[in-house]
Amino acid sequence: MRSDAAPLWSSAELRAATGGTLAAETGVRGVSIDTRTIQPGDLFIALAGDNSDGHVHLDTAFARGAAIAMAHRDGDDPRLLHVADTMRGLQDLGRAGRARFGGTAIGVTGSVGKTTTKDMLKLALAAYGPAHASVASYNNHWGVPLTLARLPRDAAFCIAEIGMNHPGEIAPLAALAAPHHAVISSIGTSHLGHMGSIHAIALEKSALIAALPPGGVAFVPDDAPGQDCFEAAAARSGASLRRVGAGRSADFRLIDLTCTAEGSRFTLGGHEVTLEAPGRHLARNAAAVLAVILSLGLDLAPAIASLRGYRPGAGRGLTEPLPCGAALMDESYNASSLSMRAAFDTLALLPATRRIAVLGDMLELGPFAEAEHAGLAPDAARAADLVFCCGPAMNALFTALPPEKRGAWAPDAASLAPLLKPFLTNGDLVLIKGSNGSRMRDIVAALKTPEPETREGAH
């Protein structure tokens, strides 16, 4: 179907967007920065970073079907789009993609839950028209422009996820995405070591609200720290501020929220909502999505029906069986204090013979690391029968646990996996969670690998 569709970008449009030179007259049907995932007809952008350089892979890109490659180094192939700098070229292309977009743009940020909220928004909005959204967690200085560069001509909705880990990063990305509406999923201690305080985090997230046009709408949790930051940003931009949550002051209020192992039920705006994925945090994310739908003046029923089919992805709460007979709750993609507590709450909801939490370090906490990790011990002890930990910071949590709750501690994920795996048995439920840099995915991979069969009498 890709070959029959209109090009995403023509050669003339690529030249106009980037100011580059290109001899070939053709069109591209996608945009890629990775030759491993390139599709025939794509534009390959040869980004040059500290640890890699896409220019080394130009021949591979063309061999795998790239129609055009953006480069800032010399070459005489007519399929090369020559620009002064490929990162700036990607940003220019993203800016052009956003400029020609005639639909509704929504920006999503937050300490935790932004990817889930973005995914839920795409799922819900697809019921009303073509919806385009960031892939995975592409939310940084290259992820946001790449999302916009891939924005289809006929899209009705664009959802851009916007992240940060240092001050000053959201404003330029928000300016590029130019959202009509903004969603802040949560305010927590992620990146606290870089930011210094919760107030600084809320202030940085509020830059997304400040980027809204007059008449735009920002949706924020009713119980999040930083309400003064949200209000000030909305006043500067002329946007409306709408609060979502279970409190009486919420503009969009979850009423009669019930959370079970099968999912959640609540009422919002007079409509009954059912999620078939467990977790109070998912209900809160879904409520924010439905608040957006209501504010757009759309009938809520199609969105509610779509959200009923939402399931967490790998690394973000996906539950699946393991070869040993235990069940895995895979939260290995990332972690913060806020998301750890949400995972513990969900773990406690699910049926199991034993509930086992396997936790890795939460990173980028700086001088707050020991207190943040140790502070999780009461919540972990309430939810889990046993807790296994790895990483130097997680030692603070492990030692703060009651002795009967301590499974084992190891310096890293690779060392913990062989201690954990023989311990698991049929009926166990295993939560695995930690920051991406803690490599908890290695434990997930180890648990998914069946033990080799032994033959009786073999020598």
Protein backbone atom coordinates (compact mmCIF):
# COMPACT_ATOMS: atom_id res chain seq x y z
CA MET A 1 0.00 0.00 0.00
CA ARG A 2 2.95 2.31 0.56
CA SER A 3 3.79 2.32 -3.18
CA ASP A 4 0.27 3.48 -4.16
CA ALA A 5 0.03 6.33 -1.68
CA ALA A 6 1.01 9.93 -2.42
CA PRO A 7 4.60 10.72 -1.39
CA LEU A 8 5.13 12.05 2.08
CA TRP A 9 7.68 14.49 0.66
CA SER A 10 8.56 15.33 -2.94
CA SER A 11 12.06 16.37 -3.97
CA ALA A 12 10.86 19.95 -4.40
CA GLU A 13 9.36 19.97 -0.90
CA LEU A 14 12.55 18.54 0.60
CA ARG A 15 14.62 21.29 -1.03
CA ALA A 16 12.20 23.99 0.10
CA ALA A 17 12.00 22.69 3.68
CA THR A 18 15.73 22.24 4.25
CA GLY A 19 17.37 24.69 1.84
CA GLY A 20 19.39 21.73 0.58
CA THR A 21 20.42 20.64 -2.90
CA LEU A 22 19.14 17.44 -4.51
CA ALA A 23 19.54 16.32 -8.13
CA ALA A 24 17.05 13.45 -8.12
CA GLU A 25 13.38 14.11 -8.85
CA THR A 26 11.42 11.61 -6.80
CA GLY A 27 9.43 11.33 -3.61
CA VAL A 28 9.80 9.61 -0.25
CA ARG A 29 7.17 7.65 1.66
CA GLY A 30 8.73 7.67 5.11
CA VAL A 31 11.57 9.13 7.14
CA SER A 32 14.21 7.03 8.92
CA ILE A 33 17.32 7.68 10.98
CA ASP A 34 18.19 3.98 11.40
CA THR A 35 19.12 1.67 8.53
CA ARG A 36 18.00 -1.34 10.58
CA THR A 37 14.37 -0.27 10.28
CA ILE A 38 14.45 1.50 6.92
CA GLN A 39 11.67 0.76 4.44
CA PRO A 40 11.86 0.97 0.63
CA GLY A 41 11.12 4.53 -0.48
CA ASP A 42 12.23 6.16 2.79
CA LEU A 43 14.29 9.28 3.28
CA PHE A 44 17.34 8.31 5.35
CA ILE A 45 18.77 11.11 7.50
CA ALA A 46 22.45 10.59 8.32
CA LEU A 47 22.61 12.06 11.82
CA ALA A 48 26.04 12.45 13.35
CA GLY A 49 26.30 12.01 17.12
CA ASP A 50 28.94 11.48 19.75
CA ASN A 51 28.92 7.69 19.36
CA SER A 52 27.69 7.11 15.82
CA ASP A 53 27.60 8.73 12.39
CA GLY A 54 24.87 7.93 9.90
CA HIS A 55 27.14 8.91 7.01
CA VAL A 56 28.97 5.62 7.52
CA HIS A 57 25.73 3.82 6.65
CA LEU A 58 24.72 5.66 3.47
CA ASP A 59 25.53 2.71 1.19
CA THR A 60 23.54 0.42 3.47
CA ALA A 61 20.58 2.82 3.41
CA PHE A 62 20.48 2.84 -0.38
CA ALA A 63 20.97 -0.93 -0.54
CA ARG A 64 17.93 -1.36 1.71
CA GLY A 65 15.76 0.81 -0.49
CA ALA A 66 16.17 4.43 0.63
CA ALA A 67 15.00 6.76 -2.14
CA ILE A 68 16.92 9.78 -0.83
CA ALA A 69 19.50 10.33 1.91
CA MET A 70 20.08 13.62 3.71
CA ALA A 71 23.78 14.24 4.33
CA HIS A 72 26.15 17.04 5.22
CA ARG A 73 29.26 15.45 3.74
CA ASP A 74 30.46 15.45 0.13
CA GLY A 75 29.17 12.88 -2.31
CA ASP A 76 28.09 12.80 -5.95
CA ASP A 77 25.15 10.40 -5.76
CA PRO A 78 22.13 12.23 -7.25
CA ARG A 79 19.99 10.78 -4.47
CA LEU A 80 21.87 12.76 -1.80
CA LEU A 81 20.06 15.74 -0.30
CA HIS A 82 22.98 17.96 0.72
CA VAL A 83 22.39 20.21 3.76
CA ALA A 84 24.68 22.20 6.03
CA ASP A 85 23.90 19.99 9.03
CA THR A 86 21.64 16.93 9.15
CA MET A 87 20.30 17.58 12.65
CA ARG A 88 19.28 21.07 11.61
CA GLY A 89 17.89 19.56 8.41
CA LEU A 90 15.73 17.15 10.44
CA GLN A 91 14.46 20.04 12.55
CA ASP A 92 13.69 22.09 9.41
CA LEU A 93 11.80 19.15 7.92
CA GLY A 94 9.83 18.70 11.14
CA ARG A 95 9.01 22.40 11.15
CA ALA A 96 7.74 22.16 7.57
CA GLY A 97 5.70 19.08 8.43
CA ARG A 98 4.03 20.92 11.26
CA ALA A 99 3.46 24.04 9.13
CA ARG A 100 1.53 22.17 6.45
CA PHE A 101 -0.57 20.23 8.99
CA GLY A 102 -4.17 21.39 9.14
CA GLY A 103 -5.46 19.20 11.95
CA THR A 104 -5.37 19.33 15.75
CA ALA A 105 -1.97 19.11 17.49
CA ILE A 106 -1.68 17.88 21.06
CA GLY A 107 1.49 17.95 23.15
CA VAL A 108 2.00 15.51 26.02
CA THR A 109 4.58 15.73 28.79
CA GLY A 110 4.90 14.60 32.40
CA SER A 111 7.27 12.95 34.84
CA VAL A 112 5.64 9.54 34.28
CA GLY A 113 2.76 8.35 32.13
CA LYS A 114 3.41 10.54 29.09
CA THR A 115 4.02 7.65 26.70
CA THR A 116 0.96 5.78 27.98
CA THR A 117 -1.16 8.93 27.68
CA LYS A 118 0.17 9.55 24.16
CA ASP A 119 -0.63 5.96 23.16
CA MET A 120 -4.11 6.20 24.64
CA LEU A 121 -4.72 9.50 22.83
CA LYS A 122 -3.74 7.96 19.51
CA LEU A 123 -5.97 4.95 20.13
CA ALA A 124 -8.94 7.11 21.12
CA LEU A 125 -8.56 9.79 18.43
CA ALA A 126 -8.21 7.21 15.67
CA ALA A 127 -11.93 6.62 16.13
CA TYR A 128 -12.56 10.11 14.68
CA GLY A 129 -9.94 10.39 11.94
CA PRO A 130 -6.33 9.58 10.96
CA ALA A 131 -4.18 10.00 14.09
CA HIS A 132 -0.39 10.31 14.05
CA ALA A 133 1.79 10.09 17.17
CA SER A 134 5.37 9.76 18.34
CA VAL A 135 6.83 6.28 18.03
CA ALA A 136 7.78 4.62 21.34
CA SER A 137 9.26 7.39 23.53
CA TYR A 138 10.64 9.58 20.74
CA ASN A 139 10.35 12.77 22.78
CA ASN A 140 13.74 14.51 22.66
CA HIS A 141 15.69 16.88 20.37
CA TRP A 142 15.57 14.41 17.48
CA GLY A 143 12.42 12.48 18.41
CA VAL A 144 10.03 15.46 18.24
CA PRO A 145 11.20 16.73 14.81
CA LEU A 146 11.23 13.15 13.51
CA THR A 147 7.60 12.75 14.61
CA LEU A 148 6.67 15.94 12.75
CA ALA A 149 8.72 15.03 9.68
CA ARG A 150 6.71 11.78 9.48
CA LEU A 151 3.36 13.55 9.87
CA PRO A 152 1.09 12.34 7.04
CA ARG A 153 -0.55 14.89 4.80
CA ASP A 154 -4.04 13.61 5.61
CA ALA A 155 -3.69 13.32 9.39
CA ALA A 156 -6.51 14.80 11.44
CA PHE A 157 -4.63 14.61 14.74
CA CYS A 158 -0.97 14.77 15.75
CA ILE A 159 0.14 13.78 19.25
CA ALA A 160 3.70 14.78 20.09
CA GLU A 161 5.34 13.44 23.23
CA ILE A 162 7.78 15.96 24.72
CA GLY A 163 10.38 15.01 27.34
CA MET A 164 13.24 16.56 29.25
CA ASN A 165 15.92 15.79 31.80
CA HIS A 166 17.56 19.22 32.08
CA PRO A 167 16.20 22.77 32.43
CA GLY A 168 15.27 24.59 29.26
CA GLU A 169 14.62 21.55 27.07
CA ILE A 170 10.82 21.63 26.74
CA ALA A 171 10.35 25.19 25.41
CA PRO A 172 12.15 24.70 22.04
CA LEU A 173 10.48 21.32 21.48
CA ALA A 174 7.08 22.77 22.34
CA ALA A 175 7.68 25.65 19.93
CA LEU A 176 8.47 23.12 17.20
CA ALA A 177 5.38 20.98 17.93
CA ALA A 178 3.16 24.08 18.26
CA PRO A 179 0.33 22.21 20.04
CA HIS A 180 -3.22 23.49 20.20
CA HIS A 181 -3.73 21.58 23.45
CA ALA A 182 -1.39 20.25 26.14
CA VAL A 183 -1.58 17.35 28.57
CA ILE A 184 0.64 17.06 31.65
CA SER A 185 0.34 13.49 32.89
CA SER A 186 2.10 13.89 36.27
CA ILE A 187 4.71 15.78 38.25
CA GLY A 188 7.20 13.60 40.15
CA THR A 189 10.85 13.22 41.03
CA SER A 190 12.16 11.94 37.69
CA HIS A 191 15.43 13.77 36.86
CA LEU A 192 15.41 15.37 40.31
CA GLY A 193 19.21 15.24 40.39
CA HIS A 194 19.41 17.46 37.30
CA MET A 195 16.48 19.72 38.17
CA GLY A 196 17.04 20.26 41.90
CA SER A 197 13.43 20.44 43.12
CA ILE A 198 9.87 19.39 42.38
CA HIS A 199 9.04 23.05 41.77
CA ALA A 200 11.73 23.26 39.10
CA ILE A 201 10.30 20.15 37.44
CA ALA A 202 6.76 21.59 37.43
CA LEU A 203 8.09 24.88 36.09
CA GLU A 204 9.88 23.10 33.24
CA LYS A 205 6.81 21.02 32.36
CA SER A 206 4.72 24.20 32.36
CA ALA A 207 6.70 25.43 29.35
CA LEU A 208 4.40 23.23 27.26
CA ILE A 209 1.40 25.21 28.53
CA ALA A 210 3.21 28.49 27.85
CA ALA A 211 3.63 27.41 24.21
CA LEU A 212 -0.13 27.09 23.63
CA PRO A 213 -1.95 29.63 21.47
CA PRO A 214 -4.64 31.87 22.95
CA GLY A 215 -7.71 29.71 23.35
CA GLY A 216 -5.67 26.52 23.72
CA VAL A 217 -6.48 24.13 26.54
CA ALA A 218 -4.11 22.55 29.06
CA PHE A 219 -5.11 19.43 30.99
CA VAL A 220 -3.30 18.81 34.29
CA PRO A 221 -3.72 16.44 37.26
CA ASP A 222 -5.78 18.05 39.98
CA ASP A 223 -3.45 16.77 42.71
CA ALA A 224 -0.06 17.39 41.09
CA PRO A 225 2.50 19.72 42.68
CA GLY A 226 3.09 22.95 40.77
CA GLN A 227 -0.45 24.22 40.28
CA ASP A 228 0.88 27.78 40.56
CA CYS A 229 3.28 27.06 37.69
CA PHE A 230 0.43 25.74 35.54
CA GLU A 231 -1.71 28.76 36.28
CA ALA A 232 1.05 31.25 35.51
CA ALA A 233 1.90 29.53 32.22
CA ALA A 234 -1.75 29.47 31.14
CA ALA A 235 -2.09 33.16 31.98
CA ARG A 236 0.95 33.98 29.83
CA SER A 237 -0.29 32.07 26.81
CA GLY A 238 -3.98 32.89 27.11
CA ALA A 239 -4.84 29.19 27.39
CA SER A 240 -7.51 27.63 29.55
CA LEU A 241 -6.48 25.34 32.40
CA ARG A 242 -8.54 22.22 33.07
CA ARG A 243 -7.87 19.88 35.97
CA VAL A 244 -8.47 16.14 35.78
CA GLY A 245 -8.71 13.80 38.77
CA ALA A 246 -10.81 12.37 41.56
CA GLY A 247 -10.97 15.49 43.72
CA ARG A 248 -14.00 17.74 44.02
CA SER A 249 -12.14 20.64 42.41
CA ALA A 250 -11.47 18.69 39.20
CA ASP A 251 -13.09 20.04 36.04
CA PHE A 252 -13.13 16.50 34.68
CA ARG A 253 -13.76 14.23 37.63
CA LEU A 254 -13.41 10.46 37.97
CA ILE A 255 -16.41 9.35 40.01
CA ASP A 256 -16.82 5.95 41.65
CA LEU A 257 -13.38 4.73 40.56
CA THR A 258 -13.05 0.98 41.19
CA CYS A 259 -9.78 -0.84 40.51
CA THR A 260 -9.56 -4.63 40.33
CA ALA A 261 -7.30 -7.27 38.81
CA GLU A 262 -9.45 -7.18 35.67
CA GLY A 263 -9.18 -3.42 35.16
CA SER A 264 -10.88 -0.21 36.25
CA ARG A 265 -14.33 1.32 36.13
CA PHE A 266 -15.28 4.93 36.64
CA THR A 267 -17.70 7.60 35.50
CA LEU A 268 -16.58 10.79 33.77
CA GLY A 269 -18.86 13.45 32.36
CA GLY A 270 -21.85 11.21 32.91
CA HIS A 271 -20.33 8.38 30.87
CA GLU A 272 -19.35 5.00 32.28
CA VAL A 273 -15.81 3.97 31.37
CA THR A 274 -14.26 0.50 31.55
CA LEU A 275 -10.57 -0.27 31.13
CA GLU A 276 -9.49 -3.89 30.78
CA ALA A 277 -5.96 -3.14 31.96
CA PRO A 278 -5.45 -2.89 35.73
CA GLY A 279 -3.95 0.09 37.55
CA ARG A 280 -5.25 3.30 39.07
CA HIS A 281 -2.61 5.24 37.13
CA LEU A 282 -4.02 3.94 33.84
CA ALA A 283 -7.49 5.14 34.85
CA ARG A 284 -6.04 8.59 35.50
CA ASN A 285 -4.31 8.61 32.11
CA ALA A 286 -7.54 7.53 30.41
CA ALA A 287 -9.49 10.28 32.17
CA ALA A 288 -7.10 12.90 30.79
CA VAL A 289 -7.57 11.47 27.30
CA LEU A 290 -11.35 11.57 27.61
CA ALA A 291 -11.14 15.15 28.90
CA VAL A 292 -9.36 16.08 25.66
CA ILE A 293 -12.04 14.31 23.61
CA LEU A 294 -14.82 16.18 25.42
CA SER A 295 -13.05 19.52 25.00
CA LEU A 296 -12.75 18.90 21.25
CA GLY A 297 -16.53 18.61 21.13
CA LEU A 298 -16.48 14.98 20.07
CA ASP A 299 -18.92 12.25 21.05
CA LEU A 300 -17.28 10.33 23.88
CA ALA A 301 -18.69 6.89 23.04
CA PRO A 302 -16.20 5.93 20.28
CA ALA A 303 -13.24 6.92 22.47
CA ILE A 304 -14.56 4.92 25.42
CA ALA A 305 -14.98 1.89 23.19
CA SER A 306 -11.45 2.27 21.83
CA LEU A 307 -9.85 2.67 25.26
CA ARG A 308 -11.46 -0.53 26.43
CA GLY A 309 -9.01 -2.28 24.09
CA TYR A 310 -5.91 -0.58 25.52
CA ARG A 311 -3.18 -2.93 26.73
CA PRO A 312 0.22 -1.94 28.18
CA GLY A 313 3.21 -2.65 25.98
CA ALA A 314 6.46 -4.47 26.68
CA GLY A 315 8.41 -2.79 29.46
CA ARG A 316 5.38 -0.74 30.48
CA GLY A 317 3.25 -3.21 32.42
CA LEU A 318 2.74 -6.05 29.95
CA THR A 319 1.84 -9.22 31.85
CA GLU A 320 2.73 -12.59 30.32
CA PRO A 321 3.56 -16.16 31.42
CA LEU A 322 7.13 -17.35 32.00
CA PRO A 323 8.50 -20.81 31.17
CA CYS A 324 8.85 -21.61 34.88
CA GLY A 325 5.12 -21.23 35.45
CA ALA A 326 5.33 -17.80 37.06
CA ALA A 327 3.81 -14.67 35.50
CA LEU A 328 5.84 -11.62 34.53
CA MET A 329 4.70 -8.01 35.01
CA ASP A 330 7.22 -6.25 32.79
CA GLU A 331 7.82 -2.64 33.89
CA SER A 332 11.47 -2.73 32.89
CA TYR A 333 11.49 0.31 30.59
CA ASN A 334 11.84 3.03 33.22
CA ALA A 335 11.22 4.00 36.82
CA SER A 336 10.74 6.87 39.25
CA SER A 337 9.30 7.03 42.74
CA LEU A 338 5.87 7.90 41.35
CA SER A 339 5.81 5.06 38.82
CA MET A 340 7.26 2.59 41.34
CA ARG A 341 4.37 3.25 43.71
CA ALA A 342 1.88 2.91 40.86
CA ALA A 343 3.44 -0.45 39.94
CA PHE A 344 3.28 -1.63 43.55
CA ASP A 345 -0.42 -0.72 43.67
CA THR A 346 -1.07 -2.75 40.53
CA LEU A 347 1.02 -5.67 41.80
CA ALA A 348 -1.12 -5.80 44.94
CA LEU A 349 -4.30 -6.00 42.83
CA LEU A 350 -3.28 -9.05 40.80
CA PRO A 351 -3.83 -12.64 41.99
CA ALA A 352 -0.73 -14.72 42.78
CA THR A 353 0.60 -17.35 45.15
CA ARG A 354 3.53 -15.04 45.85
CA ARG A 355 4.07 -11.48 44.69
CA ILE A 356 7.72 -10.76 44.02
CA ALA A 357 9.16 -7.32 43.23
CA VAL A 358 12.48 -7.16 41.37
CA LEU A 359 13.76 -3.60 41.43
CA GLY A 360 16.68 -1.77 39.87
CA ASP A 361 18.10 1.68 40.50
CA MET A 362 16.13 4.82 39.69
CA LEU A 363 18.68 7.05 37.98
CA GLU A 364 19.26 10.81 37.66
CA LEU A 365 18.36 11.49 41.29
CA GLY A 366 21.73 12.89 42.32
CA PRO A 367 22.00 13.67 46.05
CA PHE A 368 18.35 12.68 46.55
CA ALA A 369 18.94 9.06 45.47
CA GLU A 370 19.31 7.39 48.87
CA ALA A 371 16.22 9.04 50.38
CA GLU A 372 14.10 8.41 47.28
CA HIS A 373 14.99 4.70 47.22
CA ALA A 374 14.70 4.10 50.97
CA GLY A 375 11.35 5.90 50.99
CA LEU A 376 9.86 3.22 48.75
CA ALA A 377 10.45 0.42 51.28
CA PRO A 378 7.07 0.64 53.08
CA ASP A 379 5.14 0.57 49.79
CA ALA A 380 7.22 -2.29 48.41
CA ALA A 381 6.75 -4.29 51.62
CA ARG A 382 2.98 -3.80 51.53
CA ALA A 383 2.66 -4.97 47.92
CA ALA A 384 5.23 -7.78 47.70
CA ASP A 385 5.90 -10.95 49.62
CA LEU A 386 9.57 -10.73 48.68
CA VAL A 387 11.75 -8.04 47.16
CA PHE A 388 14.90 -8.57 45.08
CA CYS A 389 17.07 -5.54 44.30
CA CYS A 390 20.07 -4.62 42.20
CA GLY A 391 22.23 -1.53 41.95
CA PRO A 392 23.99 0.63 44.53
CA ALA A 393 21.05 2.97 45.09
CA MET A 394 18.56 0.11 45.51
CA ASN A 395 20.66 -1.16 48.40
CA ALA A 396 19.09 1.66 50.43
CA LEU A 397 15.61 0.24 49.77
CA PHE A 398 16.74 -3.33 50.38
CA THR A 399 18.26 -2.59 53.78
CA ALA A 400 15.18 -0.57 54.79
CA LEU A 401 12.89 -3.57 54.22
CA PRO A 402 11.78 -5.86 57.05
CA PRO A 403 14.14 -8.88 57.06
CA GLU A 404 11.36 -11.29 56.07
CA LYS A 405 10.74 -9.30 52.88
CA ARG A 406 14.34 -9.42 51.65
CA GLY A 407 14.99 -11.78 48.77
CA ALA A 408 18.48 -10.89 47.55
CA TRP A 409 20.53 -7.87 46.51
CA ALA A 410 23.15 -7.79 43.76
CA PRO A 411 25.33 -5.01 42.36
CA ASP A 412 23.72 -5.14 38.91
CA ALA A 413 21.01 -6.83 36.85
CA ALA A 414 23.34 -9.41 35.33
CA SER A 415 24.34 -10.58 38.81
CA LEU A 416 20.79 -10.66 40.13
CA ALA A 417 19.23 -12.73 37.34
CA PRO A 418 20.88 -16.06 38.32
CA LEU A 419 19.91 -15.51 41.97
CA LEU A 420 16.29 -14.86 41.06
CA LYS A 421 15.59 -17.40 38.33
CA PRO A 422 15.93 -20.65 40.38
CA PHE A 423 13.76 -19.17 43.11
CA LEU A 424 10.64 -18.71 40.93
CA THR A 425 7.90 -21.30 40.71
CA ASN A 426 4.39 -21.86 39.44
CA GLY A 427 1.91 -19.26 40.73
CA ASP A 428 4.43 -16.49 41.37
CA LEU A 429 3.84 -13.00 39.97
CA VAL A 430 7.08 -11.14 39.27
CA LEU A 431 7.21 -7.36 38.89
CA ILE A 432 10.42 -6.15 37.23
CA LYS A 433 11.06 -2.42 37.29
CA GLY A 434 13.97 0.02 37.14
CA SER A 435 15.37 2.88 35.12
CA ASN A 436 16.33 2.02 31.57
CA GLY A 437 20.01 2.41 32.41
CA SER A 438 19.69 -0.24 35.10
CA ARG A 439 19.18 -2.82 32.33
CA MET A 440 16.32 -4.65 34.01
CA ARG A 441 15.42 -5.84 30.50
CA ASP A 442 18.34 -8.25 30.88
CA ILE A 443 16.53 -9.94 33.77
CA VAL A 444 13.36 -10.09 31.68
CA ALA A 445 15.30 -11.78 28.88
CA ALA A 446 16.88 -14.26 31.31
CA LEU A 447 13.52 -15.23 32.80
CA LYS A 448 12.01 -15.74 29.34
CA THR A 449 14.80 -18.14 28.35
CA PRO A 450 13.80 -21.73 29.12
CA GLU A 451 16.25 -23.87 31.02
CA PRO A 452 17.97 -26.42 28.73
CA GLU A 453 16.51 -29.88 28.91
CA THR A 454 18.68 -32.60 30.41
CA ARG A 455 18.53 -36.18 29.12
CA GLU A 456 18.52 -38.98 31.65
CA GLY A 457 21.69 -41.01 31.36
CA ALA A 458 23.51 -38.46 29.21
CA HIS A 459 27.20 -38.02 29.85
